[in-house]
Amino acid sequence: MNKYMSFSLAFTVLLISLIATAQERGVVKPLLLLSEIVQGMPKGERQGVRVLTANFQRGDKTMFHTHRFPVTVYVLEGAFTLEMDGREPVMVKTGQAMVMPPHVKMTGYNRSSTESLRLVIFSVSDPDTPFLDPIH
């Protein structure tokens, strides 16, 4: 009986493992790309959420600007170079993300002479707040 009990227990464990594995198939688990503590998020009872895309041709750049709240950028294709006042330039490559700080003067570039650049931009702000403020 002892051998039968051991076999039954092993078989049950194997069966449970197979069922758990089968249930895992087709289940998508998110991959963490960026986790960062930020300051300057909106504090009102309501916030506006924006998801934008930007397509840069070779050599394109944004206007010189600031954001009132942190903005997150994710690079779908190419390399995004961000130059910020008083800081070293930051390059974000395909599959990477970064948070752009609020109230910092900046310009974003596609420095490549051969590749285009595609971004997804995530912004949370007070309602009716402009996405960016141009610097003249």
N, C-alpha and C. Protein backbone atom coordinates (compact mmCIF):
# COMPACT_ATOMS: atom_id res chain seq x y z
N MET A 1 0.81 -1.19 0.00
CA MET A 1 0.00 0.00 0.00
C MET A 1 0.86 1.26 0.00
N ASN A 2 2.01 1.18 0.65
CA ASN A 2 2.89 2.34 0.76
C ASN A 2 3.37 2.78 -0.63
N LYS A 3 3.73 1.77 -1.50
CA LYS A 3 4.17 2.11 -2.86
C LYS A 3 3.01 2.72 -3.64
N TYR A 4 1.80 2.19 -3.42
CA TYR A 4 0.64 2.72 -4.11
C TYR A 4 0.37 4.16 -3.68
N MET A 5 0.51 4.47 -2.41
CA MET A 5 0.29 5.82 -1.89
C MET A 5 1.33 6.78 -2.46
N SER A 6 2.58 6.34 -2.52
CA SER A 6 3.63 7.19 -3.07
C SER A 6 3.39 7.47 -4.55
N PHE A 7 3.02 6.41 -5.28
CA PHE A 7 2.72 6.58 -6.70
C PHE A 7 1.54 7.53 -6.89
N SER A 8 0.49 7.36 -6.09
CA SER A 8 -0.71 8.21 -6.20
C SER A 8 -0.36 9.66 -5.90
N LEU A 9 0.43 9.88 -4.88
CA LEU A 9 0.84 11.24 -4.52
C LEU A 9 1.67 11.86 -5.64
N ALA A 10 2.63 11.13 -6.17
CA ALA A 10 3.47 11.64 -7.26
C ALA A 10 2.62 11.93 -8.49
N PHE A 11 1.68 11.01 -8.80
CA PHE A 11 0.82 11.20 -9.96
C PHE A 11 -0.07 12.44 -9.77
N THR A 12 -0.60 12.62 -8.58
CA THR A 12 -1.46 13.78 -8.29
C THR A 12 -0.67 15.08 -8.44
N VAL A 13 0.53 15.12 -7.91
CA VAL A 13 1.38 16.32 -8.03
C VAL A 13 1.67 16.61 -9.50
N LEU A 14 2.00 15.56 -10.27
CA LEU A 14 2.27 15.72 -11.69
C LEU A 14 1.03 16.24 -12.42
N LEU A 15 -0.13 15.68 -12.12
CA LEU A 15 -1.37 16.09 -12.75
C LEU A 15 -1.69 17.56 -12.43
N ILE A 16 -1.54 17.96 -11.18
CA ILE A 16 -1.79 19.34 -10.78
C ILE A 16 -0.81 20.28 -11.50
N SER A 17 0.44 19.88 -11.60
CA SER A 17 1.44 20.70 -12.31
C SER A 17 1.09 20.86 -13.78
N LEU A 18 0.64 19.77 -14.41
CA LEU A 18 0.26 19.85 -15.83
C LEU A 18 -0.95 20.75 -16.03
N ILE A 19 -1.92 20.66 -15.13
CA ILE A 19 -3.11 21.52 -15.22
C ILE A 19 -2.71 22.98 -15.03
N ALA A 20 -1.86 23.26 -14.05
CA ALA A 20 -1.41 24.64 -13.82
C ALA A 20 -0.65 25.16 -15.02
N THR A 21 0.21 24.33 -15.62
CA THR A 21 0.96 24.74 -16.81
C THR A 21 0.02 25.01 -17.97
N ALA A 22 -0.97 24.15 -18.14
CA ALA A 22 -1.93 24.33 -19.24
C ALA A 22 -2.70 25.62 -19.05
N GLN A 23 -3.04 25.96 -17.81
CA GLN A 23 -3.77 27.20 -17.55
C GLN A 23 -2.88 28.42 -17.79
N GLU A 24 -1.58 28.28 -17.66
CA GLU A 24 -0.65 29.39 -17.87
C GLU A 24 -0.49 29.72 -19.35
N ARG A 25 -0.66 28.74 -20.22
CA ARG A 25 -0.53 28.98 -21.64
C ARG A 25 -1.57 29.99 -22.07
N GLY A 26 -1.15 30.94 -22.89
CA GLY A 26 -2.08 31.95 -23.37
C GLY A 26 -2.31 33.09 -22.41
N VAL A 27 -1.71 33.01 -21.22
CA VAL A 27 -1.85 34.07 -20.23
C VAL A 27 -0.68 35.03 -20.40
N VAL A 28 -0.99 36.26 -20.72
CA VAL A 28 0.05 37.26 -20.94
C VAL A 28 0.39 37.93 -19.62
N LYS A 29 1.67 37.98 -19.33
CA LYS A 29 2.14 38.66 -18.12
C LYS A 29 2.87 39.92 -18.54
N PRO A 30 2.49 41.09 -18.00
CA PRO A 30 3.16 42.32 -18.40
C PRO A 30 4.63 42.33 -18.01
N LEU A 31 5.44 42.98 -18.82
CA LEU A 31 6.86 43.14 -18.58
C LEU A 31 7.10 44.58 -18.12
N LEU A 32 7.68 44.76 -16.97
CA LEU A 32 7.95 46.10 -16.44
C LEU A 32 9.09 46.73 -17.23
N LEU A 33 8.82 47.86 -17.86
CA LEU A 33 9.84 48.59 -18.62
C LEU A 33 10.45 49.73 -17.82
N LEU A 34 9.65 50.35 -16.96
CA LEU A 34 10.11 51.52 -16.24
C LEU A 34 9.31 51.65 -14.96
N SER A 35 9.99 51.90 -13.88
CA SER A 35 9.36 52.20 -12.60
C SER A 35 10.16 53.32 -11.98
N GLU A 36 9.50 54.42 -11.75
CA GLU A 36 10.23 55.60 -11.27
C GLU A 36 9.33 56.40 -10.34
N ILE A 37 9.88 56.91 -9.25
CA ILE A 37 9.17 57.81 -8.36
C ILE A 37 9.32 59.22 -8.93
N VAL A 38 8.20 59.91 -9.12
CA VAL A 38 8.25 61.25 -9.71
C VAL A 38 7.60 62.26 -8.79
N GLN A 39 7.96 63.50 -9.00
CA GLN A 39 7.34 64.62 -8.30
C GLN A 39 6.63 65.48 -9.33
N GLY A 40 5.65 66.24 -8.86
CA GLY A 40 5.00 67.19 -9.73
C GLY A 40 3.77 66.67 -10.43
N MET A 41 3.21 65.55 -9.97
CA MET A 41 1.98 65.03 -10.59
C MET A 41 0.80 65.90 -10.18
N PRO A 42 -0.26 65.93 -11.00
CA PRO A 42 -1.43 66.73 -10.65
C PRO A 42 -2.07 66.22 -9.37
N LYS A 43 -2.62 67.14 -8.59
CA LYS A 43 -3.18 66.77 -7.28
C LYS A 43 -4.68 67.00 -7.21
N GLY A 44 -5.29 67.46 -8.28
CA GLY A 44 -6.73 67.73 -8.27
C GLY A 44 -7.54 66.45 -8.16
N GLU A 45 -8.85 66.62 -8.00
CA GLU A 45 -9.74 65.48 -7.89
C GLU A 45 -9.88 64.74 -9.22
N ARG A 46 -9.64 65.46 -10.33
CA ARG A 46 -9.72 64.87 -11.66
C ARG A 46 -8.44 65.16 -12.42
N GLN A 47 -8.03 64.20 -13.27
CA GLN A 47 -6.86 64.38 -14.12
C GLN A 47 -7.23 63.99 -15.54
N GLY A 48 -6.53 64.60 -16.49
CA GLY A 48 -6.67 64.22 -17.89
C GLY A 48 -5.53 63.27 -18.26
N VAL A 49 -5.85 62.20 -18.97
CA VAL A 49 -4.84 61.25 -19.41
C VAL A 49 -4.77 61.34 -20.93
N ARG A 50 -3.56 61.49 -21.46
CA ARG A 50 -3.35 61.55 -22.90
C ARG A 50 -2.34 60.48 -23.30
N VAL A 51 -2.61 59.83 -24.42
CA VAL A 51 -1.65 58.93 -25.05
C VAL A 51 -1.48 59.46 -26.46
N LEU A 52 -0.27 59.86 -26.81
CA LEU A 52 0.01 60.46 -28.11
C LEU A 52 1.08 59.65 -28.83
N THR A 53 1.15 59.83 -30.13
CA THR A 53 2.26 59.27 -30.90
C THR A 53 2.98 60.41 -31.59
N ALA A 54 4.24 60.19 -31.87
CA ALA A 54 5.04 61.17 -32.61
C ALA A 54 5.93 60.41 -33.58
N ASN A 55 5.97 60.88 -34.81
CA ASN A 55 6.81 60.29 -35.85
C ASN A 55 7.82 61.33 -36.31
N PHE A 56 9.09 61.04 -36.13
CA PHE A 56 10.17 61.94 -36.52
C PHE A 56 10.86 61.37 -37.75
N GLN A 57 11.06 62.18 -38.74
CA GLN A 57 11.90 61.79 -39.87
C GLN A 57 13.35 62.01 -39.46
N ARG A 58 14.27 61.58 -40.28
CA ARG A 58 15.69 61.76 -39.99
C ARG A 58 15.99 63.24 -39.75
N GLY A 59 16.63 63.54 -38.62
CA GLY A 59 17.03 64.91 -38.32
C GLY A 59 15.96 65.80 -37.72
N ASP A 60 14.71 65.33 -37.57
CA ASP A 60 13.64 66.15 -37.00
C ASP A 60 13.88 66.41 -35.52
N LYS A 61 13.24 67.50 -35.03
CA LYS A 61 13.31 67.83 -33.60
C LYS A 61 11.99 68.45 -33.16
N THR A 62 11.79 68.49 -31.85
CA THR A 62 10.64 69.18 -31.29
C THR A 62 11.00 70.64 -31.11
N MET A 63 9.98 71.45 -30.83
CA MET A 63 10.28 72.84 -30.46
C MET A 63 10.87 72.85 -29.05
N PHE A 64 11.53 73.92 -28.70
CA PHE A 64 12.06 74.12 -27.36
C PHE A 64 10.85 74.35 -26.46
N HIS A 65 10.71 73.56 -25.39
CA HIS A 65 9.47 73.61 -24.60
C HIS A 65 9.68 73.09 -23.18
N THR A 66 8.62 73.20 -22.38
CA THR A 66 8.55 72.56 -21.06
C THR A 66 7.22 71.82 -20.97
N HIS A 67 7.12 70.97 -19.95
CA HIS A 67 5.86 70.31 -19.61
C HIS A 67 5.52 70.70 -18.18
N ARG A 68 4.25 70.87 -17.89
CA ARG A 68 3.83 71.25 -16.53
C ARG A 68 3.82 70.08 -15.57
N PHE A 69 3.74 68.87 -16.13
CA PHE A 69 3.72 67.65 -15.33
C PHE A 69 4.66 66.64 -15.97
N PRO A 70 5.10 65.61 -15.23
CA PRO A 70 5.96 64.59 -15.85
C PRO A 70 5.28 63.95 -17.06
N VAL A 71 6.07 63.65 -18.06
CA VAL A 71 5.59 63.00 -19.29
C VAL A 71 6.48 61.79 -19.54
N THR A 72 5.86 60.67 -19.88
CA THR A 72 6.62 59.44 -20.15
C THR A 72 6.64 59.19 -21.65
N VAL A 73 7.80 58.83 -22.16
CA VAL A 73 7.96 58.52 -23.57
C VAL A 73 8.46 57.08 -23.71
N TYR A 74 7.90 56.36 -24.70
CA TYR A 74 8.31 54.99 -25.01
C TYR A 74 8.70 54.97 -26.49
N VAL A 75 9.87 54.45 -26.79
CA VAL A 75 10.38 54.44 -28.17
C VAL A 75 9.98 53.12 -28.84
N LEU A 76 9.16 53.26 -29.89
CA LEU A 76 8.75 52.09 -30.68
C LEU A 76 9.82 51.71 -31.70
N GLU A 77 10.47 52.74 -32.26
CA GLU A 77 11.43 52.52 -33.34
C GLU A 77 12.41 53.68 -33.38
N GLY A 78 13.69 53.39 -33.50
CA GLY A 78 14.71 54.43 -33.60
C GLY A 78 15.33 54.77 -32.25
N ALA A 79 15.89 55.97 -32.18
CA ALA A 79 16.53 56.46 -30.95
C ALA A 79 16.13 57.91 -30.74
N PHE A 80 15.64 58.21 -29.55
CA PHE A 80 15.18 59.54 -29.17
C PHE A 80 16.24 60.18 -28.29
N THR A 81 16.71 61.35 -28.68
CA THR A 81 17.68 62.08 -27.87
C THR A 81 16.98 63.28 -27.26
N LEU A 82 17.05 63.40 -25.94
CA LEU A 82 16.42 64.51 -25.24
C LEU A 82 17.51 65.38 -24.62
N GLU A 83 17.52 66.65 -25.02
CA GLU A 83 18.44 67.62 -24.44
C GLU A 83 17.65 68.52 -23.50
N MET A 84 18.09 68.56 -22.24
CA MET A 84 17.41 69.34 -21.21
C MET A 84 18.36 70.37 -20.64
N ASP A 85 17.83 71.54 -20.37
CA ASP A 85 18.62 72.64 -19.81
C ASP A 85 19.40 72.19 -18.57
N GLY A 86 20.72 72.40 -18.60
CA GLY A 86 21.55 72.11 -17.44
C GLY A 86 21.83 70.64 -17.19
N ARG A 87 21.50 69.77 -18.15
CA ARG A 87 21.71 68.33 -17.97
C ARG A 87 22.37 67.75 -19.20
N GLU A 88 22.97 66.59 -19.02
CA GLU A 88 23.55 65.86 -20.15
C GLU A 88 22.43 65.32 -21.04
N PRO A 89 22.64 65.25 -22.35
CA PRO A 89 21.62 64.64 -23.22
C PRO A 89 21.38 63.19 -22.84
N VAL A 90 20.13 62.76 -23.04
CA VAL A 90 19.72 61.39 -22.73
C VAL A 90 19.24 60.75 -24.03
N MET A 91 19.74 59.53 -24.32
CA MET A 91 19.28 58.80 -25.51
C MET A 91 18.44 57.62 -25.05
N VAL A 92 17.24 57.51 -25.62
CA VAL A 92 16.32 56.42 -25.33
C VAL A 92 16.14 55.63 -26.62
N LYS A 93 16.44 54.34 -26.57
CA LYS A 93 16.43 53.50 -27.78
C LYS A 93 15.17 52.64 -27.86
N THR A 94 14.99 52.00 -28.99
CA THR A 94 13.83 51.12 -29.23
C THR A 94 13.59 50.20 -28.04
N GLY A 95 12.33 50.18 -27.57
CA GLY A 95 11.96 49.32 -26.45
C GLY A 95 12.23 49.91 -25.09
N GLN A 96 12.77 51.12 -25.02
CA GLN A 96 13.07 51.76 -23.75
C GLN A 96 12.08 52.90 -23.48
N ALA A 97 11.99 53.29 -22.22
CA ALA A 97 11.11 54.38 -21.81
C ALA A 97 11.86 55.30 -20.87
N MET A 98 11.37 56.52 -20.76
CA MET A 98 11.93 57.47 -19.78
C MET A 98 10.84 58.45 -19.37
N VAL A 99 11.01 59.03 -18.20
CA VAL A 99 10.11 60.08 -17.72
C VAL A 99 10.81 61.42 -17.91
N MET A 100 10.13 62.33 -18.60
CA MET A 100 10.65 63.69 -18.77
C MET A 100 10.13 64.52 -17.61
N PRO A 101 11.02 65.23 -16.92
CA PRO A 101 10.61 65.98 -15.73
C PRO A 101 9.80 67.23 -16.08
N PRO A 102 8.97 67.68 -15.16
CA PRO A 102 8.21 68.91 -15.40
C PRO A 102 9.09 70.15 -15.21
N HIS A 103 8.70 71.24 -15.85
CA HIS A 103 9.31 72.56 -15.67
C HIS A 103 10.78 72.62 -16.05
N VAL A 104 11.21 71.74 -16.94
CA VAL A 104 12.59 71.75 -17.43
C VAL A 104 12.53 72.06 -18.92
N LYS A 105 13.32 73.03 -19.36
CA LYS A 105 13.36 73.38 -20.78
C LYS A 105 14.06 72.26 -21.54
N MET A 106 13.43 71.85 -22.67
CA MET A 106 13.95 70.68 -23.39
C MET A 106 13.62 70.73 -24.87
N THR A 107 14.40 69.95 -25.62
CA THR A 107 14.14 69.69 -27.04
C THR A 107 14.46 68.22 -27.29
N GLY A 108 13.56 67.55 -28.03
CA GLY A 108 13.77 66.15 -28.38
C GLY A 108 14.19 66.04 -29.84
N TYR A 109 15.09 65.10 -30.14
CA TYR A 109 15.67 64.97 -31.47
C TYR A 109 15.65 63.53 -31.96
N ASN A 110 15.60 63.41 -33.29
CA ASN A 110 16.00 62.18 -33.96
C ASN A 110 17.33 62.53 -34.62
N ARG A 111 18.41 62.15 -34.01
CA ARG A 111 19.75 62.49 -34.50
C ARG A 111 20.21 61.59 -35.65
N SER A 112 19.44 60.55 -35.95
CA SER A 112 19.86 59.61 -36.99
C SER A 112 19.77 60.25 -38.38
N SER A 113 20.72 59.89 -39.22
CA SER A 113 20.68 60.32 -40.62
C SER A 113 20.13 59.22 -41.51
N THR A 114 19.79 58.05 -40.90
CA THR A 114 19.30 56.92 -41.71
C THR A 114 17.96 56.36 -41.24
N GLU A 115 17.59 56.54 -39.97
CA GLU A 115 16.38 55.91 -39.43
C GLU A 115 15.35 56.94 -38.99
N SER A 116 14.07 56.57 -39.16
CA SER A 116 13.01 57.39 -38.59
C SER A 116 12.85 57.02 -37.11
N LEU A 117 12.02 57.78 -36.41
CA LEU A 117 11.81 57.60 -34.98
C LEU A 117 10.31 57.62 -34.72
N ARG A 118 9.83 56.63 -33.97
CA ARG A 118 8.42 56.58 -33.59
C ARG A 118 8.31 56.44 -32.08
N LEU A 119 7.50 57.32 -31.47
CA LEU A 119 7.33 57.36 -30.02
C LEU A 119 5.87 57.20 -29.64
N VAL A 120 5.64 56.68 -28.44
CA VAL A 120 4.35 56.77 -27.77
C VAL A 120 4.60 57.61 -26.53
N ILE A 121 3.73 58.59 -26.29
CA ILE A 121 3.90 59.54 -25.20
C ILE A 121 2.69 59.44 -24.27
N PHE A 122 2.95 59.33 -22.97
CA PHE A 122 1.90 59.21 -21.97
C PHE A 122 1.95 60.43 -21.05
N SER A 123 0.82 61.08 -20.90
CA SER A 123 0.77 62.31 -20.11
C SER A 123 -0.44 62.29 -19.20
N VAL A 124 -0.23 62.67 -17.94
CA VAL A 124 -1.32 62.87 -16.98
C VAL A 124 -1.20 64.30 -16.49
N SER A 125 -2.31 65.05 -16.59
CA SER A 125 -2.26 66.46 -16.23
C SER A 125 -3.60 66.89 -15.65
N ASP A 126 -3.62 68.12 -15.13
CA ASP A 126 -4.89 68.70 -14.77
C ASP A 126 -5.72 68.85 -16.04
N PRO A 127 -7.05 68.73 -15.94
CA PRO A 127 -7.87 68.88 -17.14
C PRO A 127 -7.61 70.23 -17.83
N ASP A 128 -7.66 70.23 -19.14
CA ASP A 128 -7.50 71.43 -19.96
C ASP A 128 -6.11 72.07 -19.89
N THR A 129 -5.12 71.34 -19.37
CA THR A 129 -3.76 71.85 -19.36
C THR A 129 -3.11 71.52 -20.69
N PRO A 130 -2.42 72.48 -21.30
CA PRO A 130 -1.73 72.17 -22.57
C PRO A 130 -0.71 71.06 -22.37
N PHE A 131 -0.50 70.26 -23.41
CA PHE A 131 0.49 69.18 -23.34
C PHE A 131 1.88 69.74 -23.11
N LEU A 132 2.21 70.84 -23.79
CA LEU A 132 3.52 71.47 -23.61
C LEU A 132 3.38 72.98 -23.69
N ASP A 133 4.39 73.64 -23.18
CA ASP A 133 4.46 75.10 -23.24
C ASP A 133 5.69 75.47 -24.05
N PRO A 134 5.49 76.08 -25.24
CA PRO A 134 6.64 76.49 -26.06
C PRO A 134 7.47 77.56 -25.36
N ILE A 135 8.77 77.51 -25.56
CA ILE A 135 9.70 78.54 -25.06
C ILE A 135 10.11 79.38 -26.25
N HIS A 136 9.93 80.68 -26.15
CA HIS A 136 10.25 81.56 -27.29
C HIS A 136 11.54 82.31 -27.02
